[in-house]
Amino acid sequence: MSEKDEYIVSIEKDNRVELATGVHAFQNLFKHPIIVTVVATIVVAFASNIVTKAFQLRDKKLETIAMFENDIPREIRLKTHLAKIRSVLETSGCSTDGGKELDKPFVIGLTGKTCSDAESLYLKYFDESLKLKNGASLTKMRTIFDDDFIKRESSKLKSVLEILSESSSPICIVNAEKEANKLYIELLEVSIDDIEGKKRQELRSPRPLPTNLEKCNN
């Protein structure tokens, strides 16, 4: 064997010895109770942090659903009442005659009442509507839930509620109320499923805004 070959073999032996020594030292290091305790503490802390964040997110989702369930039905109801009374006021010529008696109004409860009565009722519901958070729970739903369906349908429900806030057309009001309630129920079910880890495909098919409501946006 040449001198060069002997030198290379010598280096390889030294490297193997150093590697074996390093592995042995590393193994001995983890035999030390203090090191084991430190590593175990780090692992437990990391795992606990992940679990804590998961529980915190779950709590935020539950809080958001509770807010959504409390706010949206009331918002739909109040905005529908306001829209219907607004329709009566605008279609019955109430702007010129407050004492005019209403004949077959859109709101059954106003039958036999006057325009002034309708206006008083409108103001009553309007005062109540000022206490609404107006879509705050929908914004929170889109923020907290990382789900395309929930984000998309929340935006759609927001658009339908805007129709109820602006339209005076009886057919638009009726269709918007129906669609708002349908979207509310779907969002509630899907958000609960999200927390429980379920994915029900029958609730997740893209469904465009009904044509009769798209016309109400114009």
N, C-alpha and C. Protein backbone atom coordinates (compact mmCIF):
# COMPACT_ATOMS: atom_id res chain seq x y z
N MET A 1 0.87 -1.21 0.00
CA MET A 1 0.00 0.00 0.00
C MET A 1 0.89 1.25 0.00
N SER A 2 0.56 2.16 -0.86
CA SER A 2 1.37 3.37 -0.96
C SER A 2 1.19 4.25 0.26
N GLU A 3 2.11 5.17 0.39
CA GLU A 3 2.03 6.11 1.53
C GLU A 3 0.76 6.94 1.49
N LYS A 4 0.34 7.29 0.26
CA LYS A 4 -0.89 8.10 0.09
C LYS A 4 -2.11 7.31 0.52
N ASP A 5 -2.17 6.03 0.12
CA ASP A 5 -3.31 5.17 0.49
C ASP A 5 -3.38 4.99 1.99
N GLU A 6 -2.20 4.79 2.60
CA GLU A 6 -2.16 4.62 4.05
C GLU A 6 -2.68 5.87 4.76
N TYR A 7 -2.36 7.01 4.19
CA TYR A 7 -2.80 8.29 4.78
C TYR A 7 -4.33 8.42 4.72
N ILE A 8 -4.90 8.04 3.55
CA ILE A 8 -6.36 8.11 3.37
C ILE A 8 -7.06 7.16 4.33
N VAL A 9 -6.53 5.92 4.45
CA VAL A 9 -7.12 4.92 5.36
C VAL A 9 -7.07 5.43 6.79
N SER A 10 -5.95 6.07 7.14
CA SER A 10 -5.79 6.61 8.49
C SER A 10 -6.85 7.67 8.79
N ILE A 11 -7.09 8.54 7.80
CA ILE A 11 -8.09 9.61 7.98
C ILE A 11 -9.48 9.01 8.14
N GLU A 12 -9.80 7.98 7.32
CA GLU A 12 -11.11 7.33 7.40
C GLU A 12 -11.32 6.69 8.77
N LYS A 13 -10.26 6.07 9.31
CA LYS A 13 -10.35 5.45 10.64
C LYS A 13 -10.62 6.51 11.70
N ASP A 14 -9.88 7.62 11.57
CA ASP A 14 -10.05 8.71 12.54
C ASP A 14 -11.48 9.25 12.49
N ASN A 15 -12.02 9.39 11.26
CA ASN A 15 -13.39 9.90 11.11
C ASN A 15 -14.41 8.96 11.74
N ARG A 16 -14.19 7.65 11.54
CA ARG A 16 -15.11 6.67 12.13
C ARG A 16 -15.06 6.70 13.64
N VAL A 17 -13.85 6.85 14.16
CA VAL A 17 -13.68 6.93 15.61
C VAL A 17 -14.39 8.16 16.17
N GLU A 18 -14.21 9.31 15.46
CA GLU A 18 -14.84 10.56 15.91
C GLU A 18 -16.36 10.46 15.86
N LEU A 19 -16.86 9.82 14.77
CA LEU A 19 -18.31 9.67 14.64
C LEU A 19 -18.87 8.78 15.74
N ALA A 20 -18.18 7.66 15.98
CA ALA A 20 -18.63 6.74 17.02
C ALA A 20 -18.59 7.42 18.39
N THR A 21 -17.53 8.19 18.60
CA THR A 21 -17.40 8.92 19.87
C THR A 21 -18.53 9.93 20.03
N GLY A 22 -18.86 10.63 18.91
CA GLY A 22 -19.93 11.64 18.96
C GLY A 22 -21.28 11.01 19.25
N VAL A 23 -21.55 9.89 18.57
CA VAL A 23 -22.83 9.19 18.78
C VAL A 23 -22.92 8.70 20.21
N HIS A 24 -21.81 8.14 20.70
CA HIS A 24 -21.79 7.63 22.07
C HIS A 24 -22.02 8.77 23.07
N ALA A 25 -21.39 9.90 22.80
CA ALA A 25 -21.55 11.06 23.69
C ALA A 25 -22.99 11.57 23.66
N PHE A 26 -23.58 11.56 22.44
CA PHE A 26 -24.97 12.02 22.30
C PHE A 26 -25.92 11.09 23.06
N GLN A 27 -25.65 9.78 22.94
CA GLN A 27 -26.47 8.80 23.66
C GLN A 27 -26.33 8.97 25.17
N ASN A 28 -25.09 9.17 25.60
CA ASN A 28 -24.86 9.37 27.03
C ASN A 28 -25.54 10.64 27.54
N LEU A 29 -25.57 11.66 26.65
CA LEU A 29 -26.20 12.93 27.02
C LEU A 29 -27.67 12.71 27.38
N PHE A 30 -28.35 11.88 26.57
CA PHE A 30 -29.78 11.65 26.81
C PHE A 30 -30.04 10.63 27.91
N LYS A 31 -28.96 10.07 28.46
CA LYS A 31 -29.12 9.22 29.64
C LYS A 31 -29.13 10.05 30.91
N HIS A 32 -28.72 11.29 30.77
CA HIS A 32 -28.66 12.18 31.93
C HIS A 32 -30.08 12.62 32.29
N PRO A 33 -30.53 12.40 33.51
CA PRO A 33 -31.92 12.71 33.90
C PRO A 33 -32.30 14.18 33.71
N ILE A 34 -31.36 15.08 33.91
CA ILE A 34 -31.68 16.51 33.76
C ILE A 34 -32.01 16.83 32.30
N ILE A 35 -31.18 16.28 31.39
CA ILE A 35 -31.40 16.52 29.96
C ILE A 35 -32.73 15.93 29.53
N VAL A 36 -33.01 14.71 29.99
CA VAL A 36 -34.29 14.06 29.65
C VAL A 36 -35.46 14.91 30.13
N THR A 37 -35.33 15.44 31.34
CA THR A 37 -36.39 16.27 31.91
C THR A 37 -36.60 17.54 31.10
N VAL A 38 -35.49 18.17 30.70
CA VAL A 38 -35.57 19.42 29.92
C VAL A 38 -36.24 19.16 28.57
N VAL A 39 -35.79 18.11 27.88
CA VAL A 39 -36.35 17.79 26.57
C VAL A 39 -37.84 17.45 26.69
N ALA A 40 -38.17 16.65 27.70
CA ALA A 40 -39.57 16.26 27.91
C ALA A 40 -40.43 17.49 28.19
N THR A 41 -39.89 18.42 28.96
CA THR A 41 -40.62 19.65 29.28
C THR A 41 -40.89 20.47 28.02
N ILE A 42 -39.87 20.55 27.15
CA ILE A 42 -40.03 21.30 25.90
C ILE A 42 -41.10 20.66 25.01
N VAL A 43 -41.05 19.33 24.90
CA VAL A 43 -42.02 18.60 24.07
C VAL A 43 -43.43 18.78 24.61
N VAL A 44 -43.58 18.64 25.92
CA VAL A 44 -44.90 18.80 26.55
C VAL A 44 -45.42 20.22 26.37
N ALA A 45 -44.53 21.20 26.54
CA ALA A 45 -44.93 22.61 26.39
C ALA A 45 -45.39 22.88 24.96
N PHE A 46 -44.66 22.32 23.98
CA PHE A 46 -45.02 22.51 22.57
C PHE A 46 -46.38 21.89 22.28
N ALA A 47 -46.56 20.66 22.76
CA ALA A 47 -47.84 19.96 22.54
C ALA A 47 -48.99 20.69 23.24
N SER A 48 -48.71 21.16 24.46
CA SER A 48 -49.75 21.88 25.21
C SER A 48 -50.15 23.17 24.51
N ASN A 49 -49.15 23.83 23.91
CA ASN A 49 -49.42 25.07 23.19
C ASN A 49 -50.34 24.82 22.00
N ILE A 50 -50.07 23.73 21.27
CA ILE A 50 -50.92 23.37 20.13
C ILE A 50 -52.34 23.06 20.58
N VAL A 51 -52.46 22.27 21.65
CA VAL A 51 -53.79 21.91 22.17
C VAL A 51 -54.52 23.14 22.68
N THR A 52 -53.80 24.02 23.37
CA THR A 52 -54.41 25.25 23.91
C THR A 52 -54.96 26.12 22.79
N LYS A 53 -54.16 26.28 21.72
CA LYS A 53 -54.61 27.09 20.58
C LYS A 53 -55.83 26.48 19.92
N ALA A 54 -55.86 25.14 19.85
CA ALA A 54 -57.01 24.46 19.25
C ALA A 54 -58.27 24.70 20.07
N PHE A 55 -58.14 24.63 21.40
CA PHE A 55 -59.28 24.88 22.27
C PHE A 55 -59.72 26.34 22.21
N GLN A 56 -58.74 27.25 22.12
CA GLN A 56 -59.07 28.67 22.03
C GLN A 56 -59.84 28.97 20.75
N LEU A 57 -59.42 28.36 19.64
CA LEU A 57 -60.12 28.54 18.37
C LEU A 57 -61.53 27.97 18.44
N ARG A 58 -61.65 26.81 19.06
CA ARG A 58 -62.97 26.19 19.22
C ARG A 58 -63.89 27.10 20.04
N ASP A 59 -63.35 27.67 21.12
CA ASP A 59 -64.13 28.58 21.97
C ASP A 59 -64.57 29.82 21.19
N LYS A 60 -63.66 30.35 20.35
CA LYS A 60 -64.00 31.52 19.54
C LYS A 60 -65.10 31.19 18.54
N LYS A 61 -65.03 29.99 17.97
CA LYS A 61 -66.05 29.57 17.01
C LYS A 61 -67.41 29.41 17.70
N LEU A 62 -67.41 28.81 18.88
CA LEU A 62 -68.65 28.64 19.63
C LEU A 62 -69.25 30.00 20.01
N GLU A 63 -68.39 30.92 20.41
CA GLU A 63 -68.83 32.27 20.76
C GLU A 63 -69.43 32.98 19.54
N THR A 64 -68.80 32.78 18.38
CA THR A 64 -69.27 33.40 17.15
C THR A 64 -70.62 32.83 16.74
N ILE A 65 -70.78 31.51 16.85
CA ILE A 65 -72.06 30.87 16.51
C ILE A 65 -73.16 31.37 17.43
N ALA A 66 -72.86 31.50 18.72
CA ALA A 66 -73.86 32.00 19.68
C ALA A 66 -74.30 33.41 19.32
N MET A 67 -73.33 34.25 18.94
CA MET A 67 -73.62 35.63 18.53
C MET A 67 -74.47 35.63 17.26
N PHE A 68 -74.09 34.79 16.31
CA PHE A 68 -74.80 34.67 15.04
C PHE A 68 -76.25 34.22 15.27
N GLU A 69 -76.40 33.21 16.12
CA GLU A 69 -77.73 32.65 16.40
C GLU A 69 -78.62 33.64 17.14
N ASN A 70 -78.01 34.52 17.91
CA ASN A 70 -78.77 35.51 18.67
C ASN A 70 -79.14 36.73 17.82
N ASP A 71 -78.21 37.16 16.96
CA ASP A 71 -78.38 38.42 16.23
C ASP A 71 -79.14 38.32 14.92
N ILE A 72 -78.82 37.32 14.10
CA ILE A 72 -79.33 37.28 12.73
C ILE A 72 -80.85 37.11 12.63
N PRO A 73 -81.47 36.17 13.37
CA PRO A 73 -82.93 36.05 13.26
C PRO A 73 -83.64 37.36 13.61
N ARG A 74 -83.14 38.05 14.63
CA ARG A 74 -83.73 39.32 15.03
C ARG A 74 -83.53 40.38 13.94
N GLU A 75 -82.34 40.38 13.35
CA GLU A 75 -82.06 41.35 12.28
C GLU A 75 -82.96 41.09 11.07
N ILE A 76 -83.13 39.82 10.71
CA ILE A 76 -84.02 39.48 9.58
C ILE A 76 -85.44 39.93 9.88
N ARG A 77 -85.90 39.63 11.09
CA ARG A 77 -87.28 39.96 11.47
C ARG A 77 -87.52 41.47 11.45
N LEU A 78 -86.62 42.22 12.08
CA LEU A 78 -86.80 43.67 12.15
C LEU A 78 -86.70 44.33 10.77
N LYS A 79 -85.74 43.91 9.99
CA LYS A 79 -85.58 44.51 8.66
C LYS A 79 -86.75 44.17 7.74
N THR A 80 -87.31 42.98 7.94
CA THR A 80 -88.49 42.60 7.15
C THR A 80 -89.69 43.46 7.54
N HIS A 81 -89.90 43.65 8.84
CA HIS A 81 -91.00 44.52 9.31
C HIS A 81 -90.85 45.93 8.74
N LEU A 82 -89.66 46.46 8.85
CA LEU A 82 -89.40 47.82 8.35
C LEU A 82 -89.64 47.91 6.85
N ALA A 83 -89.18 46.92 6.12
CA ALA A 83 -89.34 46.92 4.66
C ALA A 83 -90.82 46.88 4.27
N LYS A 84 -91.59 46.05 4.96
CA LYS A 84 -93.02 45.93 4.65
C LYS A 84 -93.77 47.22 4.95
N ILE A 85 -93.48 47.82 6.09
CA ILE A 85 -94.16 49.08 6.45
C ILE A 85 -93.71 50.19 5.51
N ARG A 86 -92.44 50.20 5.16
CA ARG A 86 -91.94 51.20 4.21
C ARG A 86 -92.65 51.07 2.87
N SER A 87 -92.90 49.83 2.47
CA SER A 87 -93.62 49.58 1.22
C SER A 87 -95.04 50.14 1.29
N VAL A 88 -95.69 49.95 2.44
CA VAL A 88 -97.05 50.48 2.63
C VAL A 88 -97.04 52.00 2.54
N LEU A 89 -96.11 52.62 3.22
CA LEU A 89 -96.04 54.09 3.23
C LEU A 89 -95.77 54.66 1.84
N GLU A 90 -94.93 53.97 1.07
CA GLU A 90 -94.56 54.49 -0.25
C GLU A 90 -95.61 54.21 -1.33
N THR A 91 -96.38 53.15 -1.16
CA THR A 91 -97.36 52.79 -2.20
C THR A 91 -98.78 53.26 -1.89
N SER A 92 -98.99 53.79 -0.71
CA SER A 92 -100.36 54.19 -0.33
C SER A 92 -100.57 55.70 -0.36
N GLY A 93 -99.60 56.43 -0.86
CA GLY A 93 -99.74 57.88 -0.93
C GLY A 93 -99.75 58.55 0.42
N CYS A 94 -99.03 57.97 1.37
CA CYS A 94 -99.04 58.50 2.74
C CYS A 94 -98.25 59.81 2.88
N SER A 95 -97.41 60.12 1.92
CA SER A 95 -96.60 61.33 2.03
C SER A 95 -97.45 62.60 1.94
N THR A 96 -98.63 62.47 1.37
CA THR A 96 -99.49 63.66 1.20
C THR A 96 -100.69 63.68 2.14
N ASP A 97 -101.01 62.52 2.72
CA ASP A 97 -102.21 62.46 3.58
C ASP A 97 -101.98 61.48 4.72
N GLY A 98 -101.55 62.02 5.87
CA GLY A 98 -101.28 61.17 7.03
C GLY A 98 -102.51 60.52 7.61
N GLY A 99 -103.68 61.13 7.37
CA GLY A 99 -104.91 60.57 7.94
C GLY A 99 -105.59 59.57 7.04
N LYS A 100 -105.00 59.30 5.90
CA LYS A 100 -105.61 58.38 4.94
C LYS A 100 -105.70 56.97 5.52
N GLU A 101 -106.89 56.36 5.36
CA GLU A 101 -107.08 54.99 5.86
C GLU A 101 -106.50 54.01 4.86
N LEU A 102 -105.78 53.03 5.38
CA LEU A 102 -105.11 52.05 4.52
C LEU A 102 -106.06 50.95 4.09
N ASP A 103 -106.10 50.68 2.80
CA ASP A 103 -107.00 49.67 2.25
C ASP A 103 -106.17 48.48 1.75
N LYS A 104 -106.37 47.31 2.38
CA LYS A 104 -105.65 46.09 2.04
C LYS A 104 -104.13 46.31 1.97
N PRO A 105 -103.56 46.78 3.05
CA PRO A 105 -102.11 47.04 3.06
C PRO A 105 -101.30 45.75 3.06
N PHE A 106 -100.04 45.87 2.67
CA PHE A 106 -99.11 44.74 2.63
C PHE A 106 -98.95 44.13 4.02
N VAL A 107 -99.03 44.96 5.05
CA VAL A 107 -98.92 44.50 6.44
C VAL A 107 -100.33 44.32 6.99
N ILE A 108 -100.71 43.07 7.26
CA ILE A 108 -102.08 42.76 7.69
C ILE A 108 -102.46 43.53 8.94
N GLY A 109 -101.54 43.70 9.85
CA GLY A 109 -101.83 44.41 11.10
C GLY A 109 -102.20 45.87 10.91
N LEU A 110 -101.97 46.40 9.71
CA LEU A 110 -102.30 47.81 9.45
C LEU A 110 -103.65 47.98 8.77
N THR A 111 -104.36 46.89 8.56
CA THR A 111 -105.68 46.99 7.94
C THR A 111 -106.61 47.84 8.81
N GLY A 112 -107.22 48.85 8.18
CA GLY A 112 -108.12 49.74 8.92
C GLY A 112 -107.40 50.85 9.65
N LYS A 113 -106.08 50.83 9.61
CA LYS A 113 -105.28 51.88 10.26
C LYS A 113 -105.02 53.02 9.27
N THR A 114 -104.48 54.11 9.78
CA THR A 114 -104.17 55.25 8.92
C THR A 114 -102.68 55.28 8.58
N CYS A 115 -102.34 56.16 7.66
CA CYS A 115 -100.93 56.34 7.30
C CYS A 115 -100.10 56.76 8.52
N SER A 116 -100.70 57.58 9.37
CA SER A 116 -99.99 58.03 10.58
C SER A 116 -99.70 56.86 11.50
N ASP A 117 -100.65 55.91 11.58
CA ASP A 117 -100.43 54.71 12.39
C ASP A 117 -99.25 53.90 11.82
N ALA A 118 -99.23 53.80 10.50
CA ALA A 118 -98.15 53.05 9.85
C ALA A 118 -96.80 53.72 10.10
N GLU A 119 -96.80 55.04 10.04
CA GLU A 119 -95.55 55.77 10.27
C GLU A 119 -95.07 55.60 11.70
N SER A 120 -96.00 55.61 12.66
CA SER A 120 -95.63 55.42 14.07
C SER A 120 -95.04 54.03 14.28
N LEU A 121 -95.65 53.02 13.63
CA LEU A 121 -95.14 51.66 13.76
C LEU A 121 -93.76 51.53 13.12
N TYR A 122 -93.58 52.22 12.01
CA TYR A 122 -92.28 52.21 11.33
C TYR A 122 -91.20 52.79 12.24
N LEU A 123 -91.52 53.91 12.88
CA LEU A 123 -90.55 54.56 13.77
C LEU A 123 -90.22 53.68 14.97
N LYS A 124 -91.21 52.93 15.44
CA LYS A 124 -90.99 52.02 16.56
C LYS A 124 -89.96 50.95 16.19
N TYR A 125 -90.17 50.32 15.04
CA TYR A 125 -89.24 49.29 14.60
C TYR A 125 -87.88 49.89 14.21
N PHE A 126 -87.92 51.11 13.70
CA PHE A 126 -86.67 51.77 13.33
C PHE A 126 -85.80 52.02 14.57
N ASP A 127 -86.44 52.45 15.66
CA ASP A 127 -85.69 52.66 16.92
C ASP A 127 -85.07 51.35 17.40
N GLU A 128 -85.82 50.25 17.25
CA GLU A 128 -85.29 48.94 17.65
C GLU A 128 -84.11 48.54 16.76
N SER A 129 -84.22 48.89 15.48
CA SER A 129 -83.17 48.50 14.53
C SER A 129 -81.84 49.21 14.82
N LEU A 130 -81.92 50.37 15.47
CA LEU A 130 -80.70 51.11 15.80
C LEU A 130 -79.84 50.36 16.82
N LYS A 131 -80.47 49.43 17.54
CA LYS A 131 -79.75 48.64 18.54
C LYS A 131 -79.07 47.42 17.90
N LEU A 132 -79.40 47.17 16.64
CA LEU A 132 -78.81 46.02 15.96
C LEU A 132 -77.32 46.24 15.71
N LYS A 133 -76.59 45.14 15.64
CA LYS A 133 -75.16 45.21 15.33
C LYS A 133 -74.92 45.15 13.82
N ASN A 134 -76.02 45.05 13.07
CA ASN A 134 -75.97 45.09 11.60
C ASN A 134 -74.84 44.30 10.96
N GLY A 135 -75.00 42.99 10.97
CA GLY A 135 -74.04 42.12 10.27
C GLY A 135 -72.72 41.89 10.97
N ALA A 136 -72.60 42.34 12.22
CA ALA A 136 -71.33 42.15 12.94
C ALA A 136 -70.99 40.66 13.07
N SER A 137 -72.01 39.85 13.32
CA SER A 137 -71.76 38.41 13.48
C SER A 137 -71.37 37.77 12.15
N LEU A 138 -71.86 38.32 11.03
CA LEU A 138 -71.47 37.80 9.72
C LEU A 138 -69.99 38.10 9.44
N THR A 139 -69.56 39.29 9.81
CA THR A 139 -68.15 39.65 9.65
C THR A 139 -67.27 38.73 10.50
N LYS A 140 -67.74 38.44 11.70
CA LYS A 140 -66.98 37.57 12.60
C LYS A 140 -66.94 36.14 12.06
N MET A 141 -68.04 35.70 11.46
CA MET A 141 -68.08 34.35 10.87
C MET A 141 -67.02 34.22 9.78
N ARG A 142 -66.93 35.24 8.94
CA ARG A 142 -65.96 35.20 7.84
C ARG A 142 -64.52 35.25 8.36
N THR A 143 -64.34 35.87 9.52
CA THR A 143 -62.99 36.02 10.09
C THR A 143 -62.55 34.77 10.84
N ILE A 144 -63.43 34.22 11.65
CA ILE A 144 -63.07 33.10 12.53
C ILE A 144 -63.04 31.76 11.79
N PHE A 145 -63.99 31.54 10.89
CA PHE A 145 -64.07 30.24 10.21
C PHE A 145 -63.26 30.26 8.91
N ASP A 146 -62.30 29.36 8.82
CA ASP A 146 -61.48 29.24 7.61
C ASP A 146 -62.15 28.24 6.67
N ASP A 147 -63.31 28.64 6.17
CA ASP A 147 -64.12 27.75 5.34
C ASP A 147 -64.71 28.56 4.20
N ASP A 148 -64.43 28.15 2.97
CA ASP A 148 -64.88 28.91 1.80
C ASP A 148 -66.40 29.03 1.73
N PHE A 149 -67.09 27.95 2.08
CA PHE A 149 -68.56 27.98 2.03
C PHE A 149 -69.10 29.01 3.00
N ILE A 150 -68.60 29.00 4.23
CA ILE A 150 -69.07 29.94 5.25
C ILE A 150 -68.76 31.38 4.84
N LYS A 151 -67.58 31.61 4.31
CA LYS A 151 -67.21 32.96 3.88
C LYS A 151 -68.12 33.44 2.75
N ARG A 152 -68.35 32.55 1.77
CA ARG A 152 -69.16 32.92 0.60
C ARG A 152 -70.63 33.16 0.98
N GLU A 153 -71.19 32.23 1.77
CA GLU A 153 -72.61 32.36 2.12
C GLU A 153 -72.86 33.50 3.11
N SER A 154 -71.86 33.81 3.94
CA SER A 154 -72.00 34.96 4.84
C SER A 154 -72.09 36.26 4.04
N SER A 155 -71.27 36.35 3.00
CA SER A 155 -71.31 37.54 2.13
C SER A 155 -72.64 37.62 1.40
N LYS A 156 -73.15 36.45 1.00
CA LYS A 156 -74.44 36.41 0.30
C LYS A 156 -75.57 36.85 1.22
N LEU A 157 -75.55 36.38 2.48
CA LEU A 157 -76.58 36.77 3.44
C LEU A 157 -76.52 38.27 3.70
N LYS A 158 -75.32 38.81 3.75
CA LYS A 158 -75.15 40.26 3.94
C LYS A 158 -75.84 41.02 2.79
N SER A 159 -75.69 40.53 1.56
CA SER A 159 -76.31 41.17 0.40
C SER A 159 -77.84 41.10 0.48
N VAL A 160 -78.35 39.97 0.95
CA VAL A 160 -79.81 39.81 1.06
C VAL A 160 -80.37 40.74 2.14
N LEU A 161 -79.64 40.89 3.23
CA LEU A 161 -80.07 41.81 4.29
C LEU A 161 -80.07 43.25 3.79
N GLU A 162 -79.15 43.57 2.90
CA GLU A 162 -79.11 44.91 2.32
C GLU A 162 -80.34 45.16 1.44
N ILE A 163 -80.80 44.11 0.76
CA ILE A 163 -82.03 44.23 -0.04
C ILE A 163 -83.20 44.56 0.87
N LEU A 164 -83.28 43.87 2.01
CA LEU A 164 -84.36 44.14 2.98
C LEU A 164 -84.27 45.56 3.52
N SER A 165 -83.06 46.09 3.60
CA SER A 165 -82.88 47.45 4.14
C SER A 165 -83.26 48.53 3.14
N GLU A 166 -83.25 48.19 1.85
CA GLU A 166 -83.42 49.22 0.82
C GLU A 166 -84.68 49.08 -0.03
N SER A 167 -85.15 47.86 -0.22
CA SER A 167 -86.25 47.64 -1.16
C SER A 167 -87.62 47.97 -0.57
N SER A 168 -88.52 48.43 -1.46
CA SER A 168 -89.92 48.67 -1.07
C SER A 168 -90.85 47.80 -1.90
N SER A 169 -90.26 46.95 -2.74
CA SER A 169 -91.06 46.06 -3.59
C SER A 169 -91.55 44.87 -2.78
N PRO A 170 -92.87 44.65 -2.71
CA PRO A 170 -93.41 43.52 -1.93
C PRO A 170 -92.80 42.17 -2.33
N ILE A 171 -92.67 41.92 -3.63
CA ILE A 171 -92.13 40.63 -4.07
C ILE A 171 -90.66 40.48 -3.68
N CYS A 172 -89.91 41.57 -3.75
CA CYS A 172 -88.50 41.54 -3.34
C CYS A 172 -88.38 41.28 -1.84
N ILE A 173 -89.24 41.91 -1.08
CA ILE A 173 -89.21 41.75 0.38
C ILE A 173 -89.52 40.32 0.78
N VAL A 174 -90.57 39.75 0.17
CA VAL A 174 -90.97 38.37 0.48
C VAL A 174 -89.85 37.39 0.12
N ASN A 175 -89.29 37.55 -1.07
CA ASN A 175 -88.23 36.64 -1.52
C ASN A 175 -86.94 36.81 -0.71
N ALA A 176 -86.64 38.05 -0.34
CA ALA A 176 -85.42 38.32 0.44
C ALA A 176 -85.55 37.72 1.84
N GLU A 177 -86.72 37.83 2.44
CA GLU A 177 -86.93 37.24 3.77
C GLU A 177 -86.76 35.73 3.72
N LYS A 178 -87.35 35.11 2.70
CA LYS A 178 -87.26 33.66 2.54
C LYS A 178 -85.80 33.22 2.35
N GLU A 179 -85.08 33.92 1.48
CA GLU A 179 -83.69 33.57 1.20
C GLU A 179 -82.80 33.82 2.42
N ALA A 180 -83.06 34.89 3.15
CA ALA A 180 -82.26 35.20 4.35
C ALA A 180 -82.40 34.10 5.40
N ASN A 181 -83.62 33.64 5.61
CA ASN A 181 -83.84 32.57 6.59
C ASN A 181 -83.19 31.26 6.14
N LYS A 182 -83.24 30.99 4.85
CA LYS A 182 -82.61 29.77 4.31
C LYS A 182 -81.09 29.83 4.50
N LEU A 183 -80.50 30.96 4.17
CA LEU A 183 -79.05 31.12 4.33
C LEU A 183 -78.64 31.04 5.79
N TYR A 184 -79.45 31.62 6.66
CA TYR A 184 -79.16 31.60 8.10
C TYR A 184 -79.09 30.15 8.60
N ILE A 185 -80.08 29.34 8.24
CA ILE A 185 -80.13 27.95 8.70
C ILE A 185 -78.94 27.16 8.14
N GLU A 186 -78.63 27.36 6.86
CA GLU A 186 -77.49 26.65 6.25
C GLU A 186 -76.18 27.02 6.94
N LEU A 187 -75.99 28.31 7.17
CA LEU A 187 -74.75 28.76 7.82
C LEU A 187 -74.64 28.22 9.24
N LEU A 188 -75.74 28.19 9.95
CA LEU A 188 -75.74 27.68 11.32
C LEU A 188 -75.36 26.20 11.33
N GLU A 189 -75.96 25.42 10.43
CA GLU A 189 -75.68 23.98 10.38
C GLU A 189 -74.23 23.71 9.97
N VAL A 190 -73.75 24.41 8.96
CA VAL A 190 -72.39 24.17 8.47
C VAL A 190 -71.34 24.60 9.50
N SER A 191 -71.59 25.70 10.20
CA SER A 191 -70.62 26.17 11.21
C SER A 191 -70.55 25.19 12.39
N ILE A 192 -71.69 24.62 12.76
CA ILE A 192 -71.69 23.61 13.83
C ILE A 192 -70.97 22.35 13.36
N ASP A 193 -71.23 21.96 12.11
CA ASP A 193 -70.53 20.81 11.53
C ASP A 193 -69.02 21.03 11.52
N ASP A 194 -68.60 22.27 11.23
CA ASP A 194 -67.18 22.60 11.18
C ASP A 194 -66.52 22.33 12.53
N ILE A 195 -67.18 22.72 13.60
CA ILE A 195 -66.63 22.49 14.94
C ILE A 195 -66.56 21.00 15.25
N GLU A 196 -67.55 20.26 14.76
CA GLU A 196 -67.59 18.82 15.04
C GLU A 196 -66.77 18.01 14.04
N GLY A 197 -66.14 18.71 13.09
CA GLY A 197 -65.29 18.03 12.12
C GLY A 197 -66.04 17.33 11.01
N LYS A 198 -67.29 17.71 10.78
CA LYS A 198 -68.09 17.08 9.72
C LYS A 198 -68.04 17.92 8.45
N LYS A 199 -68.20 17.26 7.31
CA LYS A 199 -68.24 17.93 6.01
C LYS A 199 -69.42 17.36 5.22
N ARG A 200 -70.58 17.98 5.37
CA ARG A 200 -71.76 17.49 4.65
C ARG A 200 -71.83 18.13 3.27
N GLN A 201 -71.56 17.33 2.24
CA GLN A 201 -71.47 17.85 0.88
C GLN A 201 -72.80 18.42 0.37
N GLU A 202 -73.92 17.86 0.85
CA GLU A 202 -75.21 18.34 0.35
C GLU A 202 -75.49 19.78 0.73
N LEU A 203 -74.76 20.29 1.73
CA LEU A 203 -74.95 21.68 2.15
C LEU A 203 -73.91 22.60 1.52
N ARG A 204 -72.97 22.02 0.77
CA ARG A 204 -71.84 22.81 0.31
C ARG A 204 -71.83 23.07 -1.20
N SER A 205 -72.88 22.67 -1.88
CA SER A 205 -72.94 22.94 -3.32
C SER A 205 -73.16 24.43 -3.55
N PRO A 206 -72.36 25.05 -4.43
CA PRO A 206 -72.53 26.48 -4.71
C PRO A 206 -73.95 26.77 -5.18
N ARG A 207 -74.58 27.74 -4.57
CA ARG A 207 -75.95 28.09 -4.94
C ARG A 207 -76.00 29.60 -5.16
N PRO A 208 -76.15 30.03 -6.42
CA PRO A 208 -76.16 31.47 -6.69
C PRO A 208 -77.39 32.14 -6.09
N LEU A 209 -77.31 33.44 -5.95
CA LEU A 209 -78.45 34.21 -5.47
C LEU A 209 -79.59 34.04 -6.47
N PRO A 210 -80.81 33.73 -6.00
CA PRO A 210 -81.94 33.56 -6.92
C PRO A 210 -82.09 34.75 -7.87
N THR A 211 -82.49 34.46 -9.10
CA THR A 211 -82.63 35.50 -10.12
C THR A 211 -83.59 36.60 -9.67
N ASN A 212 -84.67 36.19 -8.99
CA ASN A 212 -85.66 37.20 -8.56
C ASN A 212 -85.07 38.18 -7.54
N LEU A 213 -84.00 37.77 -6.86
CA LEU A 213 -83.35 38.69 -5.91
C LEU A 213 -82.27 39.52 -6.58
N GLU A 214 -81.64 38.95 -7.59
CA GLU A 214 -80.63 39.73 -8.33
C GLU A 214 -81.26 40.97 -8.95
N LYS A 215 -82.51 40.82 -9.41
CA LYS A 215 -83.22 41.96 -9.99
C LYS A 215 -83.51 43.02 -8.93
N CYS A 216 -83.66 42.59 -7.68
CA CYS A 216 -83.95 43.53 -6.59
C CYS A 216 -82.75 44.41 -6.26
N ASN A 217 -81.57 43.98 -6.69
CA ASN A 217 -80.35 44.76 -6.44
C ASN A 217 -80.22 45.94 -7.39
N ASN A 218 -80.98 45.89 -8.48
CA ASN A 218 -80.87 46.93 -9.51
C ASN A 218 -81.71 48.15 -9.18
